[in-house]
Amino acid sequence: MNLLKDGEELGVDLTYRYQSKAIGIANAVYLARKFVGNDKFAVILGDNIFDKLSENHRILFENSSDREAKLFFYNVKDPERFGVPVFEEDNKTLVRIEEKPKKPKSNLAVVGLYFYSPVVFDLIPTLKVSNRGEYEITDLNNILISRRKVSYSEVRGNWIDAGTFESLYNANKIIHERTTYANSRTNN
C-alpha cells in the first residue's frame, strides 16, 4: 500500500482487502468475492516475479470462456518446493496438482498466477483446513481440475518465487543487472 497507494500514478484503481489471519491463499481469494462480483479475475502472489509477462499476453488472455480457471507452469530445478502438475500418459491432460511432492512427476512448478471465474467463490467454502491450518489454493485447483474446466500454459521468460532469502536475492540480482544494462544502453 505504501508503494502503490491507490494506483492513480499507474493509471489503475486498486482496492485492498486484509486477511486478518494467515489461513491460506484460497481464503485470501475468497475475500475478493464482493469486489469481483461475476467477473473473471486474476490472482498474482506478491512474492512471484515475472520478467516477460507482457510477452505472454497471448497465453494469458486467450479466450477461454468455457474454463473456470487457467493455471501457469514453469520449468524448475527443484520442483519438490512447489505444487507440481500431474498429467495423464498423453502428457497433455492435467489430472491434479501435487503439493511439494518428495518424488515429483515432472520439473514443472505451478506459479503464483491464476485466472479464475467467479465459480471459485462457491467452491472455497467447501474446502477443508489443511494440516498447516490453511485453506490451500492447491485444493481449490484440484477441485477445478476434477471438473475438467481448467486450461494451462507454461510461462515464458524468467519466473522467480521470492519466498526464500536465496530466491529474493536472485530476484534482486536479476533486476539490478537488467536495470544496469538498460541504463548503460540509454546513456550511450
N, C-alpha and C. Protein backbone atom coordinates (compact mmCIF):
# COMPACT_ATOMS: atom_id res chain seq x y z
N MET A 1 0.82 -1.19 0.00
CA MET A 1 0.00 0.00 0.00
C MET A 1 0.86 1.25 0.00
N ASN A 2 1.99 1.20 0.72
CA ASN A 2 2.88 2.36 0.73
C ASN A 2 3.48 2.61 -0.65
N LEU A 3 3.79 1.56 -1.37
CA LEU A 3 4.40 1.69 -2.69
C LEU A 3 3.38 2.06 -3.76
N LEU A 4 2.28 1.34 -3.84
CA LEU A 4 1.32 1.51 -4.93
C LEU A 4 0.20 2.50 -4.62
N LYS A 5 -0.02 2.76 -3.34
CA LYS A 5 -1.09 3.65 -2.89
C LYS A 5 -2.42 3.25 -3.51
N ASP A 6 -3.16 4.21 -4.09
CA ASP A 6 -4.46 3.87 -4.68
C ASP A 6 -4.35 3.49 -6.15
N GLY A 7 -3.12 3.51 -6.69
CA GLY A 7 -2.89 3.11 -8.07
C GLY A 7 -3.01 4.23 -9.09
N GLU A 8 -3.39 5.41 -8.66
CA GLU A 8 -3.63 6.51 -9.61
C GLU A 8 -2.39 6.83 -10.46
N GLU A 9 -1.21 6.81 -9.84
CA GLU A 9 0.02 7.08 -10.60
C GLU A 9 0.28 6.06 -11.69
N LEU A 10 -0.26 4.86 -11.53
CA LEU A 10 -0.11 3.79 -12.52
C LEU A 10 -1.28 3.72 -13.50
N GLY A 11 -2.28 4.54 -13.26
CA GLY A 11 -3.46 4.52 -14.12
C GLY A 11 -4.41 3.38 -13.83
N VAL A 12 -4.37 2.88 -12.60
CA VAL A 12 -5.27 1.79 -12.20
C VAL A 12 -5.96 2.19 -10.90
N ASP A 13 -7.03 1.51 -10.59
CA ASP A 13 -7.76 1.72 -9.36
C ASP A 13 -7.57 0.50 -8.49
N LEU A 14 -6.86 0.63 -7.38
CA LEU A 14 -6.56 -0.50 -6.51
C LEU A 14 -7.48 -0.54 -5.31
N THR A 15 -7.90 -1.75 -4.96
CA THR A 15 -8.72 -1.99 -3.79
C THR A 15 -7.98 -3.03 -2.95
N TYR A 16 -7.92 -2.82 -1.66
CA TYR A 16 -7.21 -3.73 -0.76
C TYR A 16 -8.18 -4.44 0.17
N ARG A 17 -7.91 -5.70 0.43
CA ARG A 17 -8.63 -6.48 1.44
C ARG A 17 -7.57 -7.10 2.34
N TYR A 18 -7.79 -7.05 3.63
CA TYR A 18 -6.85 -7.61 4.59
C TYR A 18 -7.30 -9.00 5.02
N GLN A 19 -6.33 -9.89 5.11
CA GLN A 19 -6.57 -11.23 5.64
C GLN A 19 -6.18 -11.15 7.11
N SER A 20 -7.16 -11.17 8.00
CA SER A 20 -6.88 -10.95 9.43
C SER A 20 -6.00 -12.04 10.03
N LYS A 21 -6.08 -13.26 9.49
CA LYS A 21 -5.21 -14.36 9.91
C LYS A 21 -4.64 -14.99 8.66
N ALA A 22 -3.40 -15.45 8.74
CA ALA A 22 -2.76 -16.12 7.60
C ALA A 22 -3.28 -17.54 7.52
N ILE A 23 -4.46 -17.70 6.88
CA ILE A 23 -5.08 -19.03 6.82
C ILE A 23 -5.21 -19.51 5.38
N GLY A 24 -4.29 -19.11 4.54
CA GLY A 24 -4.22 -19.69 3.21
C GLY A 24 -4.61 -18.76 2.07
N ILE A 25 -4.04 -19.08 0.91
CA ILE A 25 -4.28 -18.29 -0.29
C ILE A 25 -5.74 -18.39 -0.71
N ALA A 26 -6.34 -19.56 -0.62
CA ALA A 26 -7.75 -19.71 -1.02
C ALA A 26 -8.63 -18.79 -0.19
N ASN A 27 -8.34 -18.66 1.10
CA ASN A 27 -9.10 -17.75 1.94
C ASN A 27 -8.90 -16.30 1.49
N ALA A 28 -7.68 -15.95 1.14
CA ALA A 28 -7.41 -14.59 0.66
C ALA A 28 -8.18 -14.30 -0.63
N VAL A 29 -8.25 -15.29 -1.52
CA VAL A 29 -9.02 -15.13 -2.75
C VAL A 29 -10.49 -14.89 -2.42
N TYR A 30 -11.01 -15.63 -1.46
CA TYR A 30 -12.41 -15.51 -1.08
C TYR A 30 -12.76 -14.10 -0.61
N LEU A 31 -11.80 -13.42 -0.01
CA LEU A 31 -12.05 -12.06 0.47
C LEU A 31 -12.37 -11.08 -0.67
N ALA A 32 -12.03 -11.44 -1.89
CA ALA A 32 -12.26 -10.55 -3.04
C ALA A 32 -13.63 -10.74 -3.67
N ARG A 33 -14.46 -11.63 -3.14
CA ARG A 33 -15.71 -12.01 -3.81
C ARG A 33 -16.63 -10.83 -4.07
N LYS A 34 -16.78 -9.92 -3.13
CA LYS A 34 -17.69 -8.78 -3.34
C LYS A 34 -17.15 -7.83 -4.40
N PHE A 35 -15.86 -7.65 -4.40
CA PHE A 35 -15.24 -6.76 -5.39
C PHE A 35 -15.32 -7.36 -6.79
N VAL A 36 -15.05 -8.64 -6.91
CA VAL A 36 -15.01 -9.32 -8.21
C VAL A 36 -16.41 -9.45 -8.80
N GLY A 37 -17.38 -9.79 -7.97
CA GLY A 37 -18.74 -9.98 -8.47
C GLY A 37 -18.81 -11.16 -9.42
N ASN A 38 -19.33 -10.94 -10.63
CA ASN A 38 -19.50 -12.00 -11.62
C ASN A 38 -18.44 -11.98 -12.71
N ASP A 39 -17.35 -11.28 -12.48
CA ASP A 39 -16.29 -11.16 -13.49
C ASP A 39 -15.22 -12.22 -13.29
N LYS A 40 -14.54 -12.57 -14.38
CA LYS A 40 -13.32 -13.37 -14.26
C LYS A 40 -12.24 -12.47 -13.68
N PHE A 41 -11.26 -13.08 -13.02
CA PHE A 41 -10.25 -12.26 -12.36
C PHE A 41 -8.92 -13.00 -12.29
N ALA A 42 -7.86 -12.24 -12.02
CA ALA A 42 -6.52 -12.79 -11.90
C ALA A 42 -6.05 -12.68 -10.46
N VAL A 43 -5.28 -13.68 -10.03
CA VAL A 43 -4.63 -13.67 -8.73
C VAL A 43 -3.13 -13.77 -9.01
N ILE A 44 -2.38 -12.81 -8.50
CA ILE A 44 -0.92 -12.83 -8.64
C ILE A 44 -0.33 -12.72 -7.24
N LEU A 45 0.41 -13.74 -6.82
CA LEU A 45 1.00 -13.73 -5.49
C LEU A 45 2.13 -12.72 -5.43
N GLY A 46 2.19 -11.99 -4.35
CA GLY A 46 3.13 -10.88 -4.21
C GLY A 46 4.59 -11.27 -4.23
N ASP A 47 4.92 -12.52 -3.94
CA ASP A 47 6.32 -12.92 -3.94
C ASP A 47 6.72 -13.59 -5.26
N ASN A 48 5.90 -13.47 -6.28
CA ASN A 48 6.20 -14.02 -7.60
C ASN A 48 6.64 -12.90 -8.52
N ILE A 49 7.74 -13.10 -9.20
CA ILE A 49 8.29 -12.09 -10.09
C ILE A 49 8.41 -12.68 -11.49
N PHE A 50 7.81 -11.98 -12.45
CA PHE A 50 7.83 -12.39 -13.86
C PHE A 50 8.55 -11.29 -14.63
N ASP A 51 9.52 -11.67 -15.48
CA ASP A 51 10.24 -10.63 -16.19
C ASP A 51 9.69 -10.34 -17.58
N LYS A 52 8.93 -11.24 -18.15
CA LYS A 52 8.43 -11.03 -19.52
C LYS A 52 6.94 -11.30 -19.60
N LEU A 53 6.21 -10.89 -18.57
CA LEU A 53 4.78 -11.17 -18.55
C LEU A 53 4.08 -10.55 -19.75
N SER A 54 4.55 -9.39 -20.20
CA SER A 54 3.90 -8.76 -21.36
C SER A 54 4.07 -9.60 -22.62
N GLU A 55 5.16 -10.36 -22.72
CA GLU A 55 5.37 -11.23 -23.88
C GLU A 55 4.49 -12.47 -23.82
N ASN A 56 3.87 -12.71 -22.68
CA ASN A 56 2.99 -13.85 -22.51
C ASN A 56 1.53 -13.47 -22.76
N HIS A 57 1.28 -12.29 -23.33
CA HIS A 57 -0.09 -11.80 -23.41
C HIS A 57 -1.02 -12.76 -24.14
N ARG A 58 -0.54 -13.44 -25.16
CA ARG A 58 -1.41 -14.36 -25.89
C ARG A 58 -1.87 -15.50 -24.99
N ILE A 59 -0.94 -16.10 -24.26
CA ILE A 59 -1.33 -17.22 -23.39
C ILE A 59 -2.10 -16.73 -22.17
N LEU A 60 -1.85 -15.51 -21.76
CA LEU A 60 -2.55 -15.00 -20.58
C LEU A 60 -4.00 -14.71 -20.88
N PHE A 61 -4.25 -14.09 -22.01
CA PHE A 61 -5.58 -13.57 -22.27
C PHE A 61 -6.33 -14.28 -23.39
N GLU A 62 -5.93 -15.51 -23.70
CA GLU A 62 -6.66 -16.26 -24.72
C GLU A 62 -8.11 -16.44 -24.29
N ASN A 63 -8.99 -16.53 -25.26
CA ASN A 63 -10.40 -16.70 -24.97
C ASN A 63 -10.64 -18.10 -24.42
N SER A 64 -11.07 -18.17 -23.20
CA SER A 64 -11.37 -19.46 -22.58
C SER A 64 -12.68 -19.35 -21.82
N SER A 65 -13.72 -18.93 -22.53
CA SER A 65 -14.99 -18.65 -21.87
C SER A 65 -15.60 -19.87 -21.18
N ASP A 66 -15.26 -21.07 -21.64
CA ASP A 66 -15.82 -22.27 -21.02
C ASP A 66 -14.96 -22.78 -19.86
N ARG A 67 -13.89 -22.08 -19.54
CA ARG A 67 -12.98 -22.52 -18.48
C ARG A 67 -13.29 -21.81 -17.18
N GLU A 68 -13.09 -22.54 -16.08
CA GLU A 68 -13.28 -21.97 -14.75
C GLU A 68 -11.96 -21.48 -14.16
N ALA A 69 -10.85 -21.91 -14.77
CA ALA A 69 -9.54 -21.49 -14.26
C ALA A 69 -8.48 -21.69 -15.33
N LYS A 70 -7.42 -20.93 -15.20
CA LYS A 70 -6.23 -21.14 -16.00
C LYS A 70 -5.05 -21.09 -15.05
N LEU A 71 -4.19 -22.12 -15.15
CA LEU A 71 -3.01 -22.22 -14.30
C LEU A 71 -1.78 -22.03 -15.17
N PHE A 72 -0.68 -21.64 -14.54
CA PHE A 72 0.56 -21.39 -15.25
C PHE A 72 1.69 -22.18 -14.61
N PHE A 73 2.52 -22.77 -15.47
CA PHE A 73 3.62 -23.62 -15.01
C PHE A 73 4.94 -23.06 -15.49
N TYR A 74 6.00 -23.45 -14.77
CA TYR A 74 7.36 -23.02 -15.13
C TYR A 74 8.31 -24.17 -14.83
N ASN A 75 9.28 -24.41 -15.70
CA ASN A 75 10.25 -25.48 -15.54
C ASN A 75 11.29 -25.06 -14.49
N VAL A 76 11.44 -25.86 -13.43
CA VAL A 76 12.34 -25.52 -12.32
C VAL A 76 13.31 -26.66 -12.04
N LYS A 77 14.36 -26.34 -11.30
CA LYS A 77 15.36 -27.35 -10.91
C LYS A 77 14.94 -28.09 -9.63
N ASP A 78 14.09 -27.46 -8.83
CA ASP A 78 13.74 -28.00 -7.52
C ASP A 78 12.21 -28.10 -7.36
N PRO A 79 11.55 -28.92 -8.18
CA PRO A 79 10.09 -28.97 -8.14
C PRO A 79 9.50 -29.42 -6.80
N GLU A 80 10.30 -30.10 -5.99
CA GLU A 80 9.79 -30.56 -4.70
C GLU A 80 9.41 -29.41 -3.77
N ARG A 81 9.82 -28.17 -4.11
CA ARG A 81 9.47 -26.99 -3.31
C ARG A 81 8.09 -26.43 -3.65
N PHE A 82 7.47 -26.95 -4.71
CA PHE A 82 6.27 -26.32 -5.27
C PHE A 82 5.14 -27.31 -5.46
N GLY A 83 4.01 -26.78 -5.90
CA GLY A 83 2.95 -27.62 -6.43
C GLY A 83 3.38 -28.06 -7.82
N VAL A 84 3.21 -29.34 -8.12
CA VAL A 84 3.68 -29.90 -9.39
C VAL A 84 2.49 -30.52 -10.13
N PRO A 85 2.29 -30.13 -11.41
CA PRO A 85 1.19 -30.73 -12.16
C PRO A 85 1.46 -32.19 -12.50
N VAL A 86 0.41 -32.99 -12.45
CA VAL A 86 0.48 -34.40 -12.83
C VAL A 86 -0.45 -34.57 -14.04
N PHE A 87 0.09 -35.23 -15.08
CA PHE A 87 -0.65 -35.40 -16.33
C PHE A 87 -0.95 -36.87 -16.56
N GLU A 88 -1.98 -37.13 -17.39
CA GLU A 88 -2.24 -38.49 -17.84
C GLU A 88 -1.08 -38.89 -18.75
N GLU A 89 -1.08 -40.14 -19.19
CA GLU A 89 0.02 -40.66 -20.01
C GLU A 89 0.23 -39.89 -21.30
N ASP A 90 -0.80 -39.19 -21.78
CA ASP A 90 -0.66 -38.41 -23.01
C ASP A 90 0.17 -37.14 -22.79
N ASN A 91 0.54 -36.85 -21.53
CA ASN A 91 1.32 -35.67 -21.15
C ASN A 91 0.64 -34.36 -21.52
N LYS A 92 -0.66 -34.39 -21.72
CA LYS A 92 -1.42 -33.18 -22.04
C LYS A 92 -2.58 -32.96 -21.10
N THR A 93 -3.20 -34.04 -20.67
CA THR A 93 -4.39 -33.93 -19.83
C THR A 93 -3.98 -33.79 -18.37
N LEU A 94 -4.29 -32.64 -17.80
CA LEU A 94 -3.95 -32.36 -16.42
C LEU A 94 -4.88 -33.16 -15.50
N VAL A 95 -4.29 -33.90 -14.57
CA VAL A 95 -5.05 -34.76 -13.66
C VAL A 95 -5.20 -34.13 -12.28
N ARG A 96 -4.11 -33.55 -11.76
CA ARG A 96 -4.13 -32.94 -10.43
C ARG A 96 -2.82 -32.17 -10.22
N ILE A 97 -2.79 -31.49 -9.11
CA ILE A 97 -1.58 -30.82 -8.64
C ILE A 97 -1.16 -31.52 -7.34
N GLU A 98 0.10 -31.92 -7.28
CA GLU A 98 0.64 -32.50 -6.04
C GLU A 98 1.45 -31.41 -5.35
N GLU A 99 1.14 -31.16 -4.09
CA GLU A 99 1.83 -30.10 -3.35
C GLU A 99 3.13 -30.63 -2.75
N LYS A 100 4.23 -30.02 -3.13
CA LYS A 100 5.56 -30.33 -2.61
C LYS A 100 5.84 -31.84 -2.55
N PRO A 101 5.74 -32.53 -3.69
CA PRO A 101 5.95 -33.98 -3.68
C PRO A 101 7.41 -34.35 -3.43
N LYS A 102 7.63 -35.45 -2.73
CA LYS A 102 9.00 -35.92 -2.49
C LYS A 102 9.62 -36.45 -3.77
N LYS A 103 8.78 -37.05 -4.64
CA LYS A 103 9.24 -37.56 -5.93
C LYS A 103 8.38 -36.94 -7.03
N PRO A 104 8.73 -35.71 -7.45
CA PRO A 104 7.92 -35.02 -8.46
C PRO A 104 7.85 -35.79 -9.76
N LYS A 105 6.69 -35.74 -10.39
CA LYS A 105 6.48 -36.43 -11.65
C LYS A 105 6.93 -35.61 -12.85
N SER A 106 7.35 -34.37 -12.60
CA SER A 106 7.90 -33.52 -13.65
C SER A 106 8.72 -32.41 -13.00
N ASN A 107 9.35 -31.60 -13.82
CA ASN A 107 10.09 -30.44 -13.32
C ASN A 107 9.28 -29.16 -13.43
N LEU A 108 7.98 -29.30 -13.67
CA LEU A 108 7.12 -28.11 -13.76
C LEU A 108 6.60 -27.73 -12.38
N ALA A 109 6.57 -26.43 -12.14
CA ALA A 109 6.01 -25.90 -10.89
C ALA A 109 4.81 -25.03 -11.24
N VAL A 110 3.81 -25.05 -10.38
CA VAL A 110 2.68 -24.14 -10.52
C VAL A 110 3.14 -22.79 -9.98
N VAL A 111 3.04 -21.76 -10.80
CA VAL A 111 3.47 -20.43 -10.37
C VAL A 111 2.31 -19.70 -9.72
N GLY A 112 2.62 -18.63 -9.02
CA GLY A 112 1.61 -17.86 -8.29
C GLY A 112 0.85 -16.89 -9.16
N LEU A 113 0.31 -17.39 -10.26
CA LEU A 113 -0.53 -16.62 -11.17
C LEU A 113 -1.69 -17.51 -11.57
N TYR A 114 -2.89 -17.08 -11.27
CA TYR A 114 -4.08 -17.89 -11.53
C TYR A 114 -5.15 -17.00 -12.15
N PHE A 115 -5.88 -17.52 -13.13
CA PHE A 115 -7.07 -16.86 -13.65
C PHE A 115 -8.26 -17.71 -13.23
N TYR A 116 -9.25 -17.06 -12.66
CA TYR A 116 -10.41 -17.78 -12.15
C TYR A 116 -11.71 -17.15 -12.65
N SER A 117 -12.74 -17.99 -12.72
CA SER A 117 -14.09 -17.48 -12.90
C SER A 117 -14.69 -17.36 -11.50
N PRO A 118 -15.78 -16.63 -11.35
CA PRO A 118 -16.36 -16.46 -10.01
C PRO A 118 -16.93 -17.73 -9.41
N VAL A 119 -16.96 -18.83 -10.14
CA VAL A 119 -17.43 -20.10 -9.58
C VAL A 119 -16.59 -20.50 -8.36
N VAL A 120 -15.34 -20.01 -8.29
CA VAL A 120 -14.48 -20.38 -7.15
C VAL A 120 -15.05 -19.90 -5.82
N PHE A 121 -15.85 -18.83 -5.86
CA PHE A 121 -16.41 -18.32 -4.60
C PHE A 121 -17.47 -19.26 -4.01
N ASP A 122 -18.02 -20.15 -4.84
CA ASP A 122 -18.93 -21.18 -4.34
C ASP A 122 -18.15 -22.40 -3.84
N LEU A 123 -16.95 -22.61 -4.39
CA LEU A 123 -16.15 -23.80 -4.04
C LEU A 123 -15.29 -23.59 -2.80
N ILE A 124 -14.77 -22.40 -2.61
CA ILE A 124 -13.84 -22.15 -1.49
C ILE A 124 -14.46 -22.51 -0.14
N PRO A 125 -15.73 -22.17 0.14
CA PRO A 125 -16.29 -22.55 1.45
C PRO A 125 -16.38 -24.07 1.68
N THR A 126 -16.25 -24.86 0.62
CA THR A 126 -16.30 -26.33 0.78
C THR A 126 -14.93 -26.91 1.13
N LEU A 127 -13.88 -26.11 1.05
CA LEU A 127 -12.53 -26.61 1.34
C LEU A 127 -12.37 -26.91 2.83
N LYS A 128 -11.58 -27.92 3.11
CA LYS A 128 -11.24 -28.27 4.49
C LYS A 128 -9.88 -27.65 4.81
N VAL A 129 -9.68 -27.31 6.06
CA VAL A 129 -8.41 -26.77 6.50
C VAL A 129 -7.35 -27.86 6.41
N SER A 130 -6.18 -27.52 5.88
CA SER A 130 -5.09 -28.48 5.73
C SER A 130 -4.37 -28.71 7.05
N ASN A 131 -3.41 -29.62 7.03
CA ASN A 131 -2.59 -29.88 8.22
C ASN A 131 -1.81 -28.64 8.65
N ARG A 132 -1.60 -27.73 7.70
CA ARG A 132 -0.88 -26.48 8.02
C ARG A 132 -1.82 -25.43 8.60
N GLY A 133 -3.12 -25.77 8.72
CA GLY A 133 -4.09 -24.82 9.25
C GLY A 133 -4.53 -23.78 8.23
N GLU A 134 -4.43 -24.14 6.94
CA GLU A 134 -4.75 -23.18 5.89
C GLU A 134 -5.76 -23.76 4.89
N TYR A 135 -6.44 -22.86 4.20
CA TYR A 135 -7.28 -23.22 3.07
C TYR A 135 -6.38 -23.12 1.84
N GLU A 136 -6.02 -24.27 1.31
CA GLU A 136 -4.97 -24.36 0.29
C GLU A 136 -5.49 -24.06 -1.11
N ILE A 137 -4.74 -23.26 -1.85
CA ILE A 137 -5.08 -22.97 -3.24
C ILE A 137 -4.95 -24.23 -4.10
N THR A 138 -4.05 -25.13 -3.72
CA THR A 138 -3.90 -26.40 -4.45
C THR A 138 -5.18 -27.22 -4.35
N ASP A 139 -5.81 -27.24 -3.18
CA ASP A 139 -7.07 -27.97 -3.04
C ASP A 139 -8.15 -27.38 -3.95
N LEU A 140 -8.22 -26.07 -4.00
CA LEU A 140 -9.18 -25.41 -4.89
C LEU A 140 -8.88 -25.77 -6.35
N ASN A 141 -7.61 -25.69 -6.74
CA ASN A 141 -7.25 -26.01 -8.11
C ASN A 141 -7.56 -27.46 -8.45
N ASN A 142 -7.37 -28.36 -7.51
CA ASN A 142 -7.67 -29.77 -7.77
C ASN A 142 -9.17 -30.01 -7.95
N ILE A 143 -10.01 -29.29 -7.24
CA ILE A 143 -11.46 -29.39 -7.48
C ILE A 143 -11.77 -28.94 -8.90
N LEU A 144 -11.20 -27.82 -9.30
CA LEU A 144 -11.44 -27.29 -10.66
C LEU A 144 -10.92 -28.25 -11.72
N ILE A 145 -9.76 -28.84 -11.48
CA ILE A 145 -9.20 -29.82 -12.43
C ILE A 145 -10.13 -31.02 -12.56
N SER A 146 -10.67 -31.49 -11.44
CA SER A 146 -11.57 -32.65 -11.48
C SER A 146 -12.83 -32.35 -12.28
N ARG A 147 -13.20 -31.09 -12.40
CA ARG A 147 -14.37 -30.68 -13.18
C ARG A 147 -14.04 -30.56 -14.67
N ARG A 148 -12.75 -30.74 -15.02
CA ARG A 148 -12.28 -30.66 -16.42
C ARG A 148 -12.54 -29.30 -17.05
N LYS A 149 -12.41 -28.25 -16.24
CA LYS A 149 -12.66 -26.90 -16.72
C LYS A 149 -11.43 -26.00 -16.53
N VAL A 150 -10.24 -26.61 -16.55
CA VAL A 150 -9.00 -25.86 -16.32
C VAL A 150 -8.13 -25.93 -17.56
N SER A 151 -7.62 -24.79 -17.98
CA SER A 151 -6.60 -24.77 -19.03
C SER A 151 -5.27 -24.39 -18.36
N TYR A 152 -4.19 -24.54 -19.09
CA TYR A 152 -2.88 -24.21 -18.53
C TYR A 152 -1.92 -23.82 -19.65
N SER A 153 -0.86 -23.12 -19.26
CA SER A 153 0.21 -22.74 -20.18
C SER A 153 1.50 -22.65 -19.39
N GLU A 154 2.61 -22.79 -20.11
CA GLU A 154 3.91 -22.56 -19.50
C GLU A 154 4.26 -21.09 -19.67
N VAL A 155 4.81 -20.50 -18.62
CA VAL A 155 5.23 -19.11 -18.64
C VAL A 155 6.56 -19.00 -19.36
N ARG A 156 6.67 -18.02 -20.24
CA ARG A 156 7.94 -17.75 -20.94
C ARG A 156 8.75 -16.74 -20.14
N GLY A 157 10.04 -16.69 -20.43
CA GLY A 157 10.89 -15.76 -19.70
C GLY A 157 11.26 -16.33 -18.35
N ASN A 158 11.64 -15.47 -17.43
CA ASN A 158 12.04 -15.89 -16.09
C ASN A 158 10.89 -15.72 -15.11
N TRP A 159 10.81 -16.65 -14.20
CA TRP A 159 9.87 -16.56 -13.08
C TRP A 159 10.66 -16.88 -11.82
N ILE A 160 10.43 -16.10 -10.79
CA ILE A 160 11.08 -16.35 -9.50
C ILE A 160 10.02 -16.27 -8.41
N ASP A 161 10.01 -17.30 -7.57
CA ASP A 161 9.21 -17.27 -6.35
C ASP A 161 10.16 -16.74 -5.28
N ALA A 162 9.99 -15.49 -4.92
CA ALA A 162 10.92 -14.84 -3.99
C ALA A 162 10.53 -15.10 -2.54
N GLY A 163 10.08 -16.31 -2.26
CA GLY A 163 9.63 -16.68 -0.92
C GLY A 163 10.74 -17.18 -0.01
N THR A 164 11.97 -17.29 -0.52
CA THR A 164 13.11 -17.67 0.33
C THR A 164 14.15 -16.56 0.24
N PHE A 165 15.06 -16.52 1.19
CA PHE A 165 16.10 -15.48 1.15
C PHE A 165 16.95 -15.60 -0.11
N GLU A 166 17.28 -16.84 -0.48
CA GLU A 166 18.10 -17.05 -1.68
C GLU A 166 17.37 -16.60 -2.95
N SER A 167 16.10 -16.95 -3.07
CA SER A 167 15.36 -16.56 -4.28
C SER A 167 15.10 -15.06 -4.31
N LEU A 168 14.91 -14.43 -3.16
CA LEU A 168 14.75 -12.98 -3.11
C LEU A 168 16.05 -12.29 -3.54
N TYR A 169 17.18 -12.82 -3.08
CA TYR A 169 18.48 -12.30 -3.51
C TYR A 169 18.64 -12.43 -5.02
N ASN A 170 18.31 -13.61 -5.57
CA ASN A 170 18.43 -13.82 -7.02
C ASN A 170 17.52 -12.89 -7.80
N ALA A 171 16.32 -12.65 -7.31
CA ALA A 171 15.40 -11.73 -7.98
C ALA A 171 15.99 -10.32 -8.00
N ASN A 172 16.53 -9.88 -6.87
CA ASN A 172 17.14 -8.55 -6.82
C ASN A 172 18.34 -8.45 -7.74
N LYS A 173 19.13 -9.52 -7.81
CA LYS A 173 20.30 -9.55 -8.68
C LYS A 173 19.89 -9.42 -10.15
N ILE A 174 18.88 -10.17 -10.56
CA ILE A 174 18.40 -10.11 -11.95
C ILE A 174 17.89 -8.72 -12.28
N ILE A 175 17.08 -8.15 -11.39
CA ILE A 175 16.53 -6.81 -11.63
C ILE A 175 17.64 -5.78 -11.67
N HIS A 176 18.62 -5.89 -10.78
CA HIS A 176 19.75 -4.97 -10.77
C HIS A 176 20.54 -5.05 -12.08
N GLU A 177 20.82 -6.27 -12.53
CA GLU A 177 21.58 -6.45 -13.78
C GLU A 177 20.82 -5.88 -14.97
N ARG A 178 19.54 -6.10 -15.03
CA ARG A 178 18.74 -5.58 -16.16
C ARG A 178 18.65 -4.07 -16.11
N THR A 179 18.48 -3.52 -14.91
CA THR A 179 18.40 -2.07 -14.78
C THR A 179 19.72 -1.43 -15.15
N THR A 180 20.82 -2.02 -14.70
CA THR A 180 22.15 -1.50 -15.03
C THR A 180 22.38 -1.56 -16.54
N TYR A 181 22.01 -2.68 -17.17
CA TYR A 181 22.17 -2.84 -18.62
C TYR A 181 21.30 -1.82 -19.37
N ALA A 182 20.05 -1.67 -18.95
CA ALA A 182 19.14 -0.72 -19.61
C ALA A 182 19.67 0.71 -19.47
N ASN A 183 20.16 1.05 -18.29
CA ASN A 183 20.69 2.41 -18.07
C ASN A 183 21.95 2.65 -18.91
N SER A 184 22.80 1.63 -19.04
CA SER A 184 24.02 1.80 -19.84
C SER A 184 23.69 1.98 -21.32
N ARG A 185 22.65 1.33 -21.81
CA ARG A 185 22.23 1.49 -23.21
C ARG A 185 21.64 2.89 -23.43
N THR A 186 20.93 3.41 -22.44
CA THR A 186 20.32 4.73 -22.55
C THR A 186 21.38 5.82 -22.56
N ASN A 187 22.44 5.62 -21.77
CA ASN A 187 23.48 6.64 -21.64
C ASN A 187 24.49 6.62 -22.78
N ASN A 188 24.47 5.60 -23.62
CA ASN A 188 25.44 5.51 -24.72
C ASN A 188 24.91 6.07 -26.00
